C-alpha cells in the first residue's frame, strides 16, 4: 500500500543508494500532498528565516495509485533531492540562483546513475500520464461546475443583469 510511510522508506532507500555522499544537515520529511497535474513534487523549508529548519517534500497524490510505476516515483523523489543537494530548501550552499537552469537537475540525476530511469520516466509521463489524469476527471468536473454555478449567482449575475437588462 502506498502511504506516507511507504514514501519515507522510498526516500531513505534513494538517499542511501544515490545520495550517500550528501550529509543530511536537517530533518527531511516527505508526504503526499494534493493531486497536482503538472507539479509532481515540491520541496521547501518549513521556515524561510531559519536555514536549518526542517525540509518538507510533497509528492502528488496521483502517485498513491499502483498504476504509476515505482521508478516514476523514485525519479521524482531523486529530482527533489537534487534540489536539496544544490542548496534549495536545505542548509547546503546554493549551487546557482535558478534551480533548473541549464538542465542542472537532469545532469545531476545522470551523474548519480539515474539516467536510464530518467529517460524511462519521461517516456512514461509523455505516454501514460494523460490517461491517469483523464481517469480521475471527477474532481476537475466538480470544480468546473462550481465555477459555472458561481457565474450564475452572486455579483457576476447581478452585474450581468444590470448591463444586459438596461
C-alpha atoms as a PDB file:
ATOM      1  CA  UNK A   1       0.000   0.000   0.000  1.00  0.00           C
ATOM      2  CA  UNK A   2       1.315   3.432  -0.924  1.00  0.00           C
ATOM      3  CA  UNK A   3       1.056   5.772   2.033  1.00  0.00           C
ATOM      4  CA  UNK A   4       3.310   8.311   3.732  1.00  0.00           C
ATOM      5  CA  UNK A   5       5.300   5.571   5.490  1.00  0.00           C
ATOM      6  CA  UNK A   6       5.963   3.973   2.091  1.00  0.00           C
ATOM      7  CA  UNK A   7       7.181   7.349   0.792  1.00  0.00           C
ATOM      8  CA  UNK A   8       9.510   7.747   3.779  1.00  0.00           C
ATOM      9  CA  UNK A   9      11.036   4.316   3.100  1.00  0.00           C
ATOM     10  CA  UNK A  10      11.481   5.271  -0.569  1.00  0.00           C
ATOM     11  CA  UNK A  11      13.218   8.497   0.437  1.00  0.00           C
ATOM     12  CA  UNK A  12      15.634   6.650   2.730  1.00  0.00           C
ATOM     13  CA  UNK A  13      16.370   3.996   0.091  1.00  0.00           C
ATOM     14  CA  UNK A  14      17.044   6.581  -2.621  1.00  0.00           C
ATOM     15  CA  UNK A  15      19.182   8.668  -0.287  1.00  0.00           C
ATOM     16  CA  UNK A  16      21.307   5.650   0.708  1.00  0.00           C
ATOM     17  CA  UNK A  17      21.630   4.329  -2.853  1.00  0.00           C
ATOM     18  CA  UNK A  18      22.213   7.503  -4.872  1.00  0.00           C
ATOM     19  CA  UNK A  19      22.910  10.363  -2.438  1.00  0.00           C
ATOM     20  CA  UNK A  20      25.033   8.680   0.254  1.00  0.00           C
ATOM     21  CA  UNK A  21      27.772  11.295  -0.231  1.00  0.00           C
ATOM     22  CA  UNK A  22      25.388  14.073   0.882  1.00  0.00           C
ATOM     23  CA  UNK A  23      25.160  14.771   4.585  1.00  0.00           C
ATOM     24  CA  UNK A  24      21.645  15.281   5.886  1.00  0.00           C
ATOM     25  CA  UNK A  25      22.031  18.563   7.803  1.00  0.00           C
ATOM     26  CA  UNK A  26      18.399  18.868   8.864  1.00  0.00           C
ATOM     27  CA  UNK A  27      15.305  16.705   9.146  1.00  0.00           C
ATOM     28  CA  UNK A  28      13.763  15.896   5.757  1.00  0.00           C
ATOM     29  CA  UNK A  29      10.150  14.764   5.765  1.00  0.00           C
ATOM     30  CA  UNK A  30       8.138  13.529   2.829  1.00  0.00           C
ATOM     31  CA  UNK A  31       4.404  13.026   2.386  1.00  0.00           C
ATOM     32  CA  UNK A  32       1.656  13.025  -0.185  1.00  0.00           C
ATOM     33  CA  UNK A  33       0.106  16.392  -0.986  1.00  0.00           C
ATOM     34  CA  UNK A  34      -2.852  17.310  -3.140  1.00  0.00           C
ATOM     35  CA  UNK A  35      -3.488  15.838  -6.574  1.00  0.00           C
ATOM     36  CA  UNK A  36      -1.427  18.006  -8.861  1.00  0.00           C
ATOM     37  CA  UNK A  37      -1.287  17.504 -12.620  1.00  0.00           C
ATOM     38  CA  UNK A  38       1.836  19.480 -13.511  1.00  0.00           C
ATOM     39  CA  UNK A  39       3.772  19.782 -10.256  1.00  0.00           C
ATOM     40  CA  UNK A  40       4.649  16.189  -9.422  1.00  0.00           C
ATOM     41  CA  UNK A  41       6.517  17.177  -6.267  1.00  0.00           C
ATOM     42  CA  UNK A  42       7.862  20.196  -4.433  1.00  0.00           C
ATOM     43  CA  UNK A  43      10.496  20.879  -1.819  1.00  0.00           C
ATOM     44  CA  UNK A  44      10.577  23.704   0.703  1.00  0.00           C
ATOM     45  CA  UNK A  45      11.893  24.625   4.102  1.00  0.00           C
ATOM     46  CA  UNK A  46       9.282  24.978   6.809  1.00  0.00           C
ATOM     47  CA  UNK A  47      10.715  28.323   7.885  1.00  0.00           C
ATOM     48  CA  UNK A  48      12.029  30.864   5.404  1.00  0.00           C
ATOM     49  CA  UNK A  49      14.020  32.586   8.125  1.00  0.00           C
ATOM     50  CA  UNK A  50      15.813  29.603   9.710  1.00  0.00           C
ATOM     51  CA  UNK A  51      18.357  27.997   7.356  1.00  0.00           C
ATOM     52  CA  UNK A  52      18.393  24.812   9.467  1.00  0.00           C
ATOM     53  CA  UNK A  53      14.621  24.321   9.733  1.00  0.00           C
ATOM     54  CA  UNK A  54      13.033  21.076   8.562  1.00  0.00           C
ATOM     55  CA  UNK A  55      12.763  20.366   4.855  1.00  0.00           C
ATOM     56  CA  UNK A  56       9.424  19.196   3.510  1.00  0.00           C
ATOM     57  CA  UNK A  57       8.875  17.284   0.269  1.00  0.00           C
ATOM     58  CA  UNK A  58       5.317  16.982  -1.031  1.00  0.00           C
ATOM     59  CA  UNK A  59       4.500  14.440  -3.720  1.00  0.00           C
ATOM     60  CA  UNK A  60       1.343  14.460  -5.821  1.00  0.00           C
ATOM     61  CA  UNK A  61      -1.358  12.123  -4.521  1.00  0.00           C
ATOM     62  CA  UNK A  62      -1.736  10.650  -8.001  1.00  0.00           C
ATOM     63  CA  UNK A  63       1.335   8.598  -7.042  1.00  0.00           C
ATOM     64  CA  UNK A  64      -0.749   6.715  -4.448  1.00  0.00           C
ATOM     65  CA  UNK A  65      -2.126   4.688  -7.323  1.00  0.00           C
ATOM     66  CA  UNK A  66      -0.428   1.376  -8.120  1.00  0.00           C
ATOM     67  CA  UNK A  67      -0.801   2.196 -11.830  1.00  0.00           C
ATOM     68  CA  UNK A  68       2.069   4.661 -11.511  1.00  0.00           C
ATOM     69  CA  UNK A  69       5.326   2.680 -11.773  1.00  0.00           C
ATOM     70  CA  UNK A  70       7.716   2.855  -8.832  1.00  0.00           C
ATOM     71  CA  UNK A  71      10.582   4.130 -10.981  1.00  0.00           C
ATOM     72  CA  UNK A  72       8.485   7.233 -11.784  1.00  0.00           C
ATOM     73  CA  UNK A  73       8.103   7.903  -8.056  1.00  0.00           C
ATOM     74  CA  UNK A  74      11.808   7.165  -7.473  1.00  0.00           C
ATOM     75  CA  UNK A  75      12.997   9.649 -10.090  1.00  0.00           C
ATOM     76  CA  UNK A  76      10.584  12.297  -8.795  1.00  0.00           C
ATOM     77  CA  UNK A  77      11.952  11.918  -5.263  1.00  0.00           C
ATOM     78  CA  UNK A  78      15.524  11.928  -6.591  1.00  0.00           C
ATOM     79  CA  UNK A  79      14.721  15.114  -8.510  1.00  0.00           C
ATOM     80  CA  UNK A  80      13.704  16.826  -5.273  1.00  0.00           C
ATOM     81  CA  UNK A  81      16.831  15.520  -3.549  1.00  0.00           C
ATOM     82  CA  UNK A  82      18.895  17.121  -6.327  1.00  0.00           C
ATOM     83  CA  UNK A  83      17.358  20.435  -5.304  1.00  0.00           C
ATOM     84  CA  UNK A  84      18.385  19.666  -1.711  1.00  0.00           C
ATOM     85  CA  UNK A  85      21.945  18.904  -2.852  1.00  0.00           C
ATOM     86  CA  UNK A  86      22.067  22.144  -4.838  1.00  0.00           C
ATOM     87  CA  UNK A  87      21.147  24.165  -1.764  1.00  0.00           C
ATOM     88  CA  UNK A  88      17.459  24.776  -2.420  1.00  0.00           C
ATOM     89  CA  UNK A  89      15.355  24.160   0.707  1.00  0.00           C
ATOM     90  CA  UNK A  90      18.418  22.902   2.537  1.00  0.00           C
ATOM     91  CA  UNK A  91      21.232  24.254   4.723  1.00  0.00           C
ATOM     92  CA  UNK A  92      23.761  23.431   1.978  1.00  0.00           C
ATOM     93  CA  UNK A  93      25.250  26.298  -0.050  1.00  0.00           C
ATOM     94  CA  UNK A  94      23.308  27.226  -3.184  1.00  0.00           C
ATOM     95  CA  UNK A  95      24.685  25.833  -6.426  1.00  0.00           C
ATOM     96  CA  UNK A  96      23.108  28.566  -8.567  1.00  0.00           C
ATOM     97  CA  UNK A  97      20.405  31.183  -8.423  1.00  0.00           C
ATOM     98  CA  UNK A  98      17.931  29.185 -10.523  1.00  0.00           C
ATOM     99  CA  UNK A  99      17.146  25.536  -9.742  1.00  0.00           C
ATOM    100  CA  UNK A 100      16.535  24.265 -13.310  1.00  0.00           C
ATOM    101  CA  UNK A 101      18.760  26.453 -15.474  1.00  0.00           C
ATOM    102  CA  UNK A 102      20.911  24.518 -17.909  1.00  0.00           C
ATOM    103  CA  UNK A 103      19.325  21.133 -17.074  1.00  0.00           C
ATOM    104  CA  UNK A 104      21.290  21.023 -13.820  1.00  0.00           C
ATOM    105  CA  UNK A 105      18.848  18.626 -12.173  1.00  0.00           C
ATOM    106  CA  UNK A 106      18.810  16.179 -15.094  1.00  0.00           C
ATOM    107  CA  UNK A 107      22.611  16.317 -15.295  1.00  0.00           C
ATOM    108  CA  UNK A 108      22.853  15.612 -11.556  1.00  0.00           C
ATOM    109  CA  UNK A 109      20.491  12.646 -11.916  1.00  0.00           C
ATOM    110  CA  UNK A 110      22.607  11.234 -14.759  1.00  0.00           C
ATOM    111  CA  UNK A 111      25.805  11.791 -12.771  1.00  0.00           C
ATOM    112  CA  UNK A 112      24.329   9.786  -9.897  1.00  0.00           C
ATOM    113  CA  UNK A 113      23.377   6.829 -12.092  1.00  0.00           C
ATOM    114  CA  UNK A 114      19.702   7.614 -12.664  1.00  0.00           C
ATOM    115  CA  UNK A 115      19.963   8.474 -16.366  1.00  0.00           C
ATOM    116  CA  UNK A 116      18.167   5.386 -17.688  1.00  0.00           C
ATOM    117  CA  UNK A 117      15.365   5.741 -15.113  1.00  0.00           C
ATOM    118  CA  UNK A 118      15.030   9.422 -16.013  1.00  0.00           C
ATOM    119  CA  UNK A 119      14.601   8.513 -19.684  1.00  0.00           C
ATOM    120  CA  UNK A 120      12.010   5.856 -18.823  1.00  0.00           C
ATOM    121  CA  UNK A 121      10.171   8.298 -16.535  1.00  0.00           C
ATOM    122  CA  UNK A 122       9.980  10.990 -19.215  1.00  0.00           C
ATOM    123  CA  UNK A 123       8.655   8.477 -21.749  1.00  0.00           C
ATOM    124  CA  UNK A 124       6.073   7.138 -19.283  1.00  0.00           C
ATOM    125  CA  UNK A 125       4.917  10.658 -18.351  1.00  0.00           C
ATOM    126  CA  UNK A 126       4.526  11.538 -22.021  1.00  0.00           C
ATOM    127  CA  UNK A 127       2.682   8.330 -22.944  1.00  0.00           C
ATOM    128  CA  UNK A 128       0.673   7.414 -19.830  1.00  0.00           C
ATOM    129  CA  UNK A 129       0.285  10.469 -17.585  1.00  0.00           C
ATOM    130  CA  UNK A 130      -2.621  11.979 -19.583  1.00  0.00           C
ATOM    131  CA  UNK A 131      -4.578   8.726 -19.155  1.00  0.00           C
ATOM    132  CA  UNK A 132      -4.028   8.825 -15.372  1.00  0.00           C
ATOM    133  CA  UNK A 133      -5.356  12.393 -15.294  1.00  0.00           C
ATOM    134  CA  UNK A 134      -8.347  11.577 -17.516  1.00  0.00           C
ATOM    135  CA  UNK A 135      -9.296   8.600 -15.369  1.00  0.00           C
ATOM    136  CA  UNK A 136      -9.574  10.943 -12.378  1.00  0.00           C
ATOM    137  CA  UNK A 137     -11.634  13.666 -14.028  1.00  0.00           C
ATOM    138  CA  UNK A 138     -14.326  13.683 -11.315  1.00  0.00           C
ATOM    139  CA  UNK A 139     -12.600  16.332  -9.200  1.00  0.00           C
ATOM    140  CA  UNK A 140     -11.998  18.604 -12.166  1.00  0.00           C
ATOM    141  CA  UNK A 141     -15.644  18.358 -13.279  1.00  0.00           C
ATOM    142  CA  UNK A 142     -16.809  19.389  -9.817  1.00  0.00           C
ATOM    143  CA  UNK A 143     -14.514  22.405  -9.927  1.00  0.00           C
ATOM    144  CA  UNK A 144     -15.848  23.405 -13.353  1.00  0.00           C
ATOM    145  CA  UNK A 145     -19.425  23.007 -12.101  1.00  0.00           C
ATOM    146  CA  UNK A 146     -18.700  25.180  -9.076  1.00  0.00           C
ATOM    147  CA  UNK A 147     -17.181  27.859 -11.287  1.00  0.00           C
ATOM    148  CA  UNK A 148     -20.247  27.809 -13.556  1.00  0.00           C
ATOM    149  CA  UNK A 149     -22.595  27.962 -10.561  1.00  0.00           C
ATOM    150  CA  UNK A 150     -20.694  30.975  -9.195  1.00  0.00           C
ATOM    151  CA  UNK A 151     -21.081  32.735 -12.527  1.00  0.00           C
ATOM    152  CA  UNK A 152     -24.877  32.267 -12.456  1.00  0.00           C
ATOM    153  CA  UNK A 153     -25.240  33.662  -8.941  1.00  0.00           C
ATOM    154  CA  UNK A 154     -23.788  36.405  -6.830  1.00  0.00           C
ATOM    155  CA  UNK A 155     -22.109  39.569  -8.015  1.00  0.00           C
ATOM    156  CA  UNK A 156     -21.425  38.269 -11.526  1.00  0.00           C
ATOM    157  CA  UNK A 157     -25.133  37.592 -12.127  1.00  0.00           C
ATOM    158  CA  UNK A 158     -26.087  40.975 -10.653  1.00  0.00           C
ATOM    159  CA  UNK A 159     -23.710  42.858 -12.956  1.00  0.00           C
ATOM    160  CA  UNK A 160     -24.849  40.791 -15.942  1.00  0.00           C
ATOM    161  CA  UNK A 161     -28.499  41.665 -15.222  1.00  0.00           C
ATOM    162  CA  UNK A 162     -27.731  45.359 -14.844  1.00  0.00           C
ATOM    163  CA  UNK A 163     -25.690  45.542 -18.048  1.00  0.00           C
ATOM    164  CA  UNK A 164     -27.933  43.462 -20.305  1.00  0.00           C
ATOM    165  CA  UNK A 165     -31.353  44.476 -18.930  1.00  0.00           C
ATOM    166  CA  UNK A 166     -30.809  48.208 -19.341  1.00  0.00           C
END
